[in-house]
Amino acid sequence: MNILVTGITGRVGANVARHFLQNGHSVRGFVWPGDRQSAKLAQVGAEIVEGDLASAADVKAAADGQEVILHLGAAFQAGGPFTPQQYFDTNVKGTFNVLEAALGLGEKLKHVIVTSTDATMAKYPPEGIADPIREDSLPLSSTDWYGYTKVLDEHLVDRYVRHERLRATVIRFANVWGAGELLDFRQFHLKTFIDQFKSRTDAEGKRAYEEMSAAYQGEPHLIVACDSNGRPWKKQMVEVREIVHAYDLAIGNPNTFGKVYQLASREPFTWDVIVPYIANAIGAPYTRVSLPVNPTFYEYDLSAAMTDFGYNPRLTAQDMVDEAVRFRASGGGDIIPTRL
């Protein structure tokens, strides 16, 4: 297949591209002019096309002759800062241009998959979320510019599917980890919350700050974060290779057309289990603290992706820890292995 990957130099795009190149497909990458990571993808066989997602002509030219479009390019928090105008131009106008270009391919187009995010949903109510989150469990209610533009993207895809019968799918990512990144996740580190709470003036906030400051032994020092009732936090992420696995299964699958899927890891983790495991692996202390903030407490129902296209995530959080430690010890790399 001829596959266009927007955002090909990103963490996910690079691994998706390499996977399909290794499996004999032709991959074209759409990048910002002057992207310094482009050469690395060209070296592994990708065709690189420069342009701006906000330019309909650039996107149409990049899509010419392609059978599949994996739309991963976006302005997002980690790459910024971006202005509201930049978020809108890149994420909303860019997605509109991708969908128009896909429509223009006619019957040649097998599939266009648009990337979204769990940042579209309000996942942090005061008591956490008890039941696993389905794709339609929560309203799309984000107001930060990244999440809000992705809400608009999902609506755009829905319009093109229903009105134009476009073979399109939305895939939402949970928070994505690449190899080694788990060890740096800020919410596993006590210093993150010391810095967050140092300006609190309420009694509970001051109590938590003093407790954490007294316990802190220097980096790395981890935290078993708990809610105000002492319940450990819970979260579900996704590792890059699971995303590659999902694309491999979903592309061209008519069961997915017109639908939205949440991708996440095999199972959620809780701080009281994963943090001691990390601490033991890297030889770091940890402290258990009840934090007077809305907790992180949720997990996902992945049954839609499992049923419709056989999504079968394999990595546990402990697997990711083990691989992160090995990855760091080996010196790391730019693109992680894609084989599970």
Protein backbone atom coordinates (compact mmCIF):
# COMPACT_ATOMS: atom_id res chain seq x y z
CA MET A 1 0.00 0.00 0.00
CA ASN A 2 0.93 3.63 -0.45
CA ILE A 3 0.61 5.21 2.99
CA LEU A 4 0.80 8.91 3.84
CA VAL A 5 1.78 9.67 7.44
CA THR A 6 1.37 13.24 8.62
CA GLY A 7 3.48 13.97 11.69
CA ILE A 8 5.91 11.25 10.61
CA THR A 9 8.81 12.65 12.65
CA GLY A 10 6.88 12.45 15.92
CA ARG A 11 7.32 9.67 18.45
CA VAL A 12 4.30 7.72 17.20
CA GLY A 13 4.60 8.62 13.52
CA ALA A 14 8.23 7.50 13.29
CA ASN A 15 7.48 4.08 14.73
CA VAL A 16 4.34 3.62 12.64
CA ALA A 17 6.28 4.57 9.50
CA ARG A 18 9.15 2.23 10.20
CA HIS A 19 6.79 -0.65 10.87
CA PHE A 20 5.02 -0.30 7.54
CA LEU A 21 8.28 0.23 5.66
CA GLN A 22 9.64 -2.97 7.19
CA ASN A 23 6.55 -4.79 5.99
CA GLY A 24 7.01 -3.76 2.38
CA HIS A 25 4.70 -0.76 2.11
CA SER A 26 5.52 2.59 0.52
CA VAL A 27 5.47 5.37 3.12
CA ARG A 28 5.36 9.09 2.42
CA GLY A 29 5.89 11.47 5.31
CA PHE A 30 4.42 14.99 5.45
CA VAL A 31 6.60 17.33 7.53
CA TRP A 32 7.10 20.97 8.36
CA PRO A 33 9.74 22.62 6.13
CA GLY A 34 13.15 22.22 7.71
CA ASP A 35 12.13 19.50 10.19
CA ARG A 36 15.50 18.26 11.46
CA GLN A 37 14.20 14.75 12.07
CA SER A 38 13.22 14.20 8.43
CA ALA A 39 16.62 12.83 7.40
CA LYS A 40 16.33 9.95 9.87
CA LEU A 41 13.06 8.81 8.32
CA ALA A 42 14.43 9.24 4.81
CA GLN A 43 17.33 6.98 5.77
CA VAL A 44 14.95 4.12 6.60
CA GLY A 45 13.13 4.48 3.29
CA ALA A 46 10.35 7.02 3.74
CA GLU A 47 9.66 9.60 1.05
CA ILE A 48 9.62 13.03 2.68
CA VAL A 49 7.32 15.82 1.47
CA GLU A 50 7.47 19.25 3.09
CA GLY A 51 4.45 21.46 3.59
CA ASP A 52 1.97 23.07 5.94
CA LEU A 53 -1.15 21.28 7.14
CA ALA A 54 -2.98 24.60 6.98
CA SER A 55 -2.35 24.72 3.21
CA ALA A 56 -4.95 22.82 1.21
CA ALA A 57 -2.63 22.72 -1.79
CA ASP A 58 0.26 21.25 0.24
CA VAL A 59 -1.92 18.57 1.77
CA LYS A 60 -3.56 17.67 -1.54
CA ALA A 61 -0.15 17.30 -3.19
CA ALA A 62 1.08 15.08 -0.35
CA ALA A 63 -2.02 12.88 -0.58
CA ASP A 64 -1.79 12.40 -4.34
CA GLY A 65 -1.50 8.72 -5.23
CA GLN A 66 -1.92 7.47 -1.67
CA GLU A 67 -4.25 4.68 -0.57
CA VAL A 68 -4.13 5.19 3.20
CA ILE A 69 -3.72 8.40 5.20
CA LEU A 70 -2.65 8.21 8.84
CA HIS A 71 -3.20 11.73 10.14
CA LEU A 72 -0.93 12.13 13.17
CA GLY A 73 0.32 15.68 12.60
CA ALA A 74 -0.87 18.22 15.17
CA ALA A 75 0.07 21.09 17.40
CA PHE A 76 0.00 19.73 20.95
CA GLN A 77 1.09 20.82 24.41
CA ALA A 78 4.50 19.16 24.50
CA GLY A 79 5.58 20.76 21.24
CA GLY A 80 4.56 24.33 22.00
CA PRO A 81 3.85 26.84 23.15
CA PHE A 82 1.30 27.50 20.43
CA THR A 83 -1.17 30.35 20.08
CA PRO A 84 -4.90 29.66 19.75
CA GLN A 85 -4.57 30.61 16.06
CA GLN A 86 -1.81 28.04 15.56
CA TYR A 87 -3.82 25.33 17.29
CA PHE A 88 -6.80 26.10 15.09
CA ASP A 89 -4.85 26.37 11.84
CA THR A 90 -2.83 23.19 12.36
CA ASN A 91 -5.34 20.96 14.10
CA VAL A 92 -8.74 22.00 12.75
CA LYS A 93 -7.95 23.49 9.35
CA GLY A 94 -5.25 20.87 8.89
CA THR A 95 -7.68 18.03 9.57
CA PHE A 96 -10.24 19.61 7.26
CA ASN A 97 -7.59 19.72 4.53
CA VAL A 98 -6.65 16.08 5.15
CA LEU A 99 -10.29 14.98 4.90
CA GLU A 100 -10.82 17.00 1.74
CA ALA A 101 -7.69 15.50 0.20
CA ALA A 102 -8.84 12.02 1.20
CA LEU A 103 -12.24 12.65 -0.36
CA GLY A 104 -10.51 13.74 -3.55
CA LEU A 105 -8.79 10.36 -3.87
CA GLY A 106 -12.14 8.73 -4.59
CA GLU A 107 -12.22 4.95 -4.73
CA LYS A 108 -8.43 4.79 -4.56
CA LEU A 109 -8.66 5.65 -0.86
CA LYS A 110 -8.84 2.59 1.36
CA HIS A 111 -8.85 4.38 4.71
CA VAL A 112 -8.07 7.62 6.51
CA ILE A 113 -7.42 7.38 10.25
CA VAL A 114 -7.46 10.61 12.24
CA THR A 115 -5.68 10.71 15.56
CA SER A 116 -7.47 12.12 18.58
CA THR A 117 -6.78 12.06 22.30
CA ASP A 118 -8.31 11.27 25.66
CA ALA A 119 -7.65 14.95 26.44
CA THR A 120 -11.06 15.55 24.81
CA MET A 121 -12.74 14.16 27.94
CA ALA A 122 -13.04 15.41 31.51
CA LYS A 123 -11.30 12.56 33.37
CA TYR A 124 -10.59 14.20 36.73
CA PRO A 125 -13.79 14.73 38.76
CA PRO A 126 -13.41 15.12 42.54
CA GLU A 127 -14.11 11.44 43.29
CA GLY A 128 -12.41 9.90 40.25
CA ILE A 129 -14.24 7.63 37.79
CA ALA A 130 -15.28 4.23 39.12
CA ASP A 131 -16.45 2.49 35.93
CA PRO A 132 -14.20 1.82 32.92
CA ILE A 133 -14.55 4.61 30.38
CA ARG A 134 -16.12 3.68 27.05
CA GLU A 135 -15.78 5.83 23.94
CA ASP A 136 -19.19 7.39 24.67
CA SER A 137 -19.05 7.44 28.48
CA LEU A 138 -18.00 11.06 28.90
CA PRO A 139 -18.97 14.21 27.04
CA LEU A 140 -16.31 15.80 24.86
CA SER A 141 -15.88 18.81 27.09
CA SER A 142 -12.25 19.92 26.97
CA THR A 143 -11.65 23.66 26.92
CA ASP A 144 -7.85 23.78 26.58
CA TRP A 145 -6.95 24.51 22.98
CA TYR A 146 -5.32 21.17 22.18
CA GLY A 147 -8.18 19.05 23.52
CA TYR A 148 -10.84 21.39 22.14
CA THR A 149 -9.41 21.34 18.62
CA LYS A 150 -9.41 17.54 18.78
CA VAL A 151 -13.10 17.64 19.72
CA LEU A 152 -13.69 19.68 16.56
CA ASP A 153 -11.60 17.17 14.56
CA GLU A 154 -13.78 14.29 15.74
CA HIS A 155 -16.89 16.19 14.67
CA LEU A 156 -15.32 16.89 11.27
CA VAL A 157 -14.64 13.19 10.72
CA ASP A 158 -18.20 12.33 11.71
CA ARG A 159 -19.53 14.81 9.16
CA TYR A 160 -17.39 13.39 6.32
CA VAL A 161 -18.39 9.83 7.17
CA ARG A 162 -22.11 10.54 7.36
CA HIS A 163 -22.41 13.01 4.48
CA GLU A 164 -19.64 11.89 2.11
CA ARG A 165 -19.40 8.20 3.12
CA LEU A 166 -15.67 8.68 3.59
CA ARG A 167 -13.83 5.59 4.83
CA ALA A 168 -12.61 7.29 7.99
CA THR A 169 -11.95 6.34 11.59
CA VAL A 170 -10.94 8.24 14.73
CA ILE A 171 -8.45 6.68 17.13
CA ARG A 172 -7.99 8.33 20.53
CA PHE A 173 -4.72 7.78 22.33
CA ALA A 174 -4.34 7.60 26.06
CA ASN A 175 -1.21 9.33 27.35
CA VAL A 176 1.59 7.84 25.24
CA TRP A 177 4.86 6.42 26.52
CA GLY A 178 7.86 5.52 24.42
CA ALA A 179 10.75 3.38 25.59
CA GLY A 180 12.39 4.82 28.71
CA GLU A 181 9.82 7.58 29.19
CA LEU A 182 7.89 5.91 31.99
CA LEU A 183 10.77 6.56 34.39
CA ASP A 184 10.43 10.30 33.82
CA PHE A 185 6.65 10.47 34.23
CA ARG A 186 6.32 13.54 36.44
CA GLN A 187 3.43 12.21 38.52
CA PHE A 188 5.63 9.41 39.81
CA HIS A 189 8.09 11.94 41.26
CA LEU A 190 7.66 13.58 44.66
CA LYS A 191 9.37 16.78 43.53
CA THR A 192 6.54 17.41 41.05
CA PHE A 193 4.04 17.76 43.87
CA ILE A 194 6.39 19.65 46.18
CA ASP A 195 6.68 22.29 43.46
CA GLN A 196 2.93 22.20 42.84
CA PHE A 197 2.01 22.64 46.50
CA LYS A 198 4.61 25.15 47.65
CA SER A 199 2.30 28.10 46.95
CA ARG A 200 -0.80 26.54 48.57
CA THR A 201 -2.12 28.57 51.50
CA ASP A 202 -5.02 26.33 52.59
CA ALA A 203 -4.52 24.04 55.58
CA GLU A 204 -4.63 20.75 53.65
CA GLY A 205 -2.35 22.06 50.94
CA LYS A 206 0.18 23.31 53.49
CA ARG A 207 -0.02 19.98 55.33
CA ALA A 208 0.76 18.03 52.18
CA TYR A 209 3.60 20.37 51.24
CA GLU A 210 5.23 20.10 54.67
CA GLU A 211 4.84 16.30 54.71
CA MET A 212 6.43 15.94 51.28
CA SER A 213 9.21 18.42 51.93
CA ALA A 214 10.17 16.66 55.17
CA ALA A 215 10.31 13.28 53.42
CA TYR A 216 12.15 14.39 50.27
CA GLN A 217 15.64 12.91 49.89
CA GLY A 218 16.59 14.33 46.49
CA GLU A 219 16.14 13.00 42.99
CA PRO A 220 14.99 10.43 42.24
CA HIS A 221 12.38 10.23 45.00
CA LEU A 222 9.03 8.74 44.04
CA ILE A 223 5.51 9.18 45.37
CA VAL A 224 2.59 6.84 45.90
CA ALA A 225 -0.07 9.46 45.20
CA CYS A 226 -3.39 8.93 46.96
CA ASP A 227 -6.65 10.84 47.14
CA SER A 228 -7.83 12.58 50.30
CA ASN A 229 -9.26 9.27 51.57
CA GLY A 230 -5.99 7.41 51.12
CA ARG A 231 -7.03 5.56 47.93
CA PRO A 232 -4.07 5.21 45.53
CA TRP A 233 -4.41 6.90 42.17
CA LYS A 234 -5.18 4.81 39.07
CA LYS A 235 -4.37 5.50 35.43
CA GLN A 236 -4.15 3.79 32.04
CA MET A 237 -1.55 4.81 29.47
CA VAL A 238 -0.50 3.37 26.11
CA GLU A 239 2.93 2.35 24.82
CA VAL A 240 3.97 3.25 21.27
CA ARG A 241 4.14 -0.35 20.08
CA GLU A 242 0.52 -0.95 21.06
CA ILE A 243 -0.45 1.93 18.78
CA VAL A 244 1.54 0.43 15.91
CA HIS A 245 -0.23 -2.88 16.57
CA ALA A 246 -3.62 -1.14 16.43
CA TYR A 247 -2.92 0.61 13.12
CA ASP A 248 -1.70 -2.64 11.62
CA LEU A 249 -5.02 -4.28 12.44
CA ALA A 250 -7.37 -1.37 11.76
CA ILE A 251 -6.18 -0.16 8.34
CA GLY A 252 -8.71 -1.03 5.67
CA ASN A 253 -11.01 -2.83 8.10
CA PRO A 254 -14.60 -1.81 7.21
CA ASN A 255 -15.74 -2.58 10.76
CA THR A 256 -13.94 0.58 11.85
CA PHE A 257 -15.38 3.04 9.33
CA GLY A 258 -17.27 5.86 10.99
CA LYS A 259 -16.29 4.87 14.51
CA VAL A 260 -14.18 6.21 17.36
CA TYR A 261 -11.83 3.96 19.33
CA GLN A 262 -9.91 4.46 22.53
CA LEU A 263 -6.44 2.93 22.65
CA ALA A 264 -4.73 2.15 25.91
CA SER A 265 -2.47 -0.45 27.46
CA ARG A 266 -3.54 -3.93 28.47
CA GLU A 267 -4.60 -2.85 31.95
CA PRO A 268 -4.53 0.15 34.27
CA PHE A 269 -2.00 0.56 37.05
CA THR A 270 -2.32 1.97 40.54
CA TRP A 271 0.36 4.04 42.21
CA ASP A 272 0.68 1.69 45.20
CA VAL A 273 1.69 -1.15 42.87
CA ILE A 274 3.73 0.47 40.12
CA VAL A 275 5.69 3.02 42.16
CA PRO A 276 7.27 0.47 44.56
CA TYR A 277 8.07 -1.64 41.50
CA ILE A 278 9.85 1.29 39.84
CA ALA A 279 11.57 2.23 43.09
CA ASN A 280 12.96 -1.28 43.45
CA ALA A 281 14.10 -1.32 39.81
CA ILE A 282 16.03 1.96 40.01
CA GLY A 283 16.99 1.95 43.69
CA ALA A 284 14.99 5.00 44.71
CA PRO A 285 12.97 5.84 47.85
CA TYR A 286 9.24 6.52 47.72
CA THR A 287 6.72 8.17 50.03
CA ARG A 288 2.97 7.67 50.27
CA VAL A 289 1.01 10.94 50.42
CA SER A 290 -2.69 11.85 50.39
CA LEU A 291 -3.03 14.83 48.05
CA PRO A 292 -5.87 17.39 48.42
CA VAL A 293 -6.54 17.67 44.66
CA ASN A 294 -8.90 16.02 42.21
CA PRO A 295 -7.36 12.58 41.84
CA THR A 296 -6.19 10.66 38.80
CA PHE A 297 -8.48 7.64 38.99
CA TYR A 298 -9.76 6.04 35.80
CA GLU A 299 -9.36 3.16 33.36
CA TYR A 300 -10.66 2.35 29.87
CA ASP A 301 -13.06 -0.17 28.42
CA LEU A 302 -11.21 -1.39 25.29
CA SER A 303 -13.87 -3.84 24.16
CA ALA A 304 -14.83 -1.86 21.05
CA ALA A 305 -11.31 -1.99 19.58
CA MET A 306 -10.88 -5.60 20.66
CA THR A 307 -14.17 -6.66 19.06
CA ASP A 308 -14.04 -4.63 15.84
CA PHE A 309 -10.43 -5.09 14.80
CA GLY A 310 -8.81 -7.51 17.23
CA TYR A 311 -6.81 -5.02 19.27
CA ASN A 312 -4.82 -7.07 21.76
CA PRO A 313 -2.44 -4.96 23.88
CA ARG A 314 0.19 -7.11 25.56
CA LEU A 315 2.42 -4.92 27.70
CA THR A 316 1.69 -4.50 31.40
CA ALA A 317 2.97 -1.49 33.32
CA GLN A 318 5.60 -3.74 34.90
CA ASP A 319 6.73 -4.81 31.41
CA MET A 320 7.14 -1.13 30.52
CA VAL A 321 9.20 -0.52 33.66
CA ASP A 322 11.50 -3.44 32.88
CA GLU A 323 11.97 -2.30 29.29
CA ALA A 324 12.50 1.32 30.34
CA VAL A 325 15.30 0.28 32.67
CA ARG A 326 16.92 -1.82 29.94
CA PHE A 327 16.45 0.98 27.41
CA ARG A 328 18.18 3.50 29.68
CA ALA A 329 20.99 1.08 30.45
CA SER A 330 21.63 0.50 26.74
CA GLY A 331 21.88 4.20 25.97
CA GLY A 332 18.45 4.53 24.37
CA GLY A 333 17.70 5.46 20.79
CA ASP A 334 15.50 7.56 18.54
CA ILE A 335 13.05 4.94 17.33
CA ILE A 336 12.05 2.03 19.55
CA PRO A 337 11.57 -1.56 18.42
CA THR A 338 8.07 -2.11 17.02
CA ARG A 339 7.89 -5.87 17.44
CA LEU A 340 5.97 -7.11 20.49
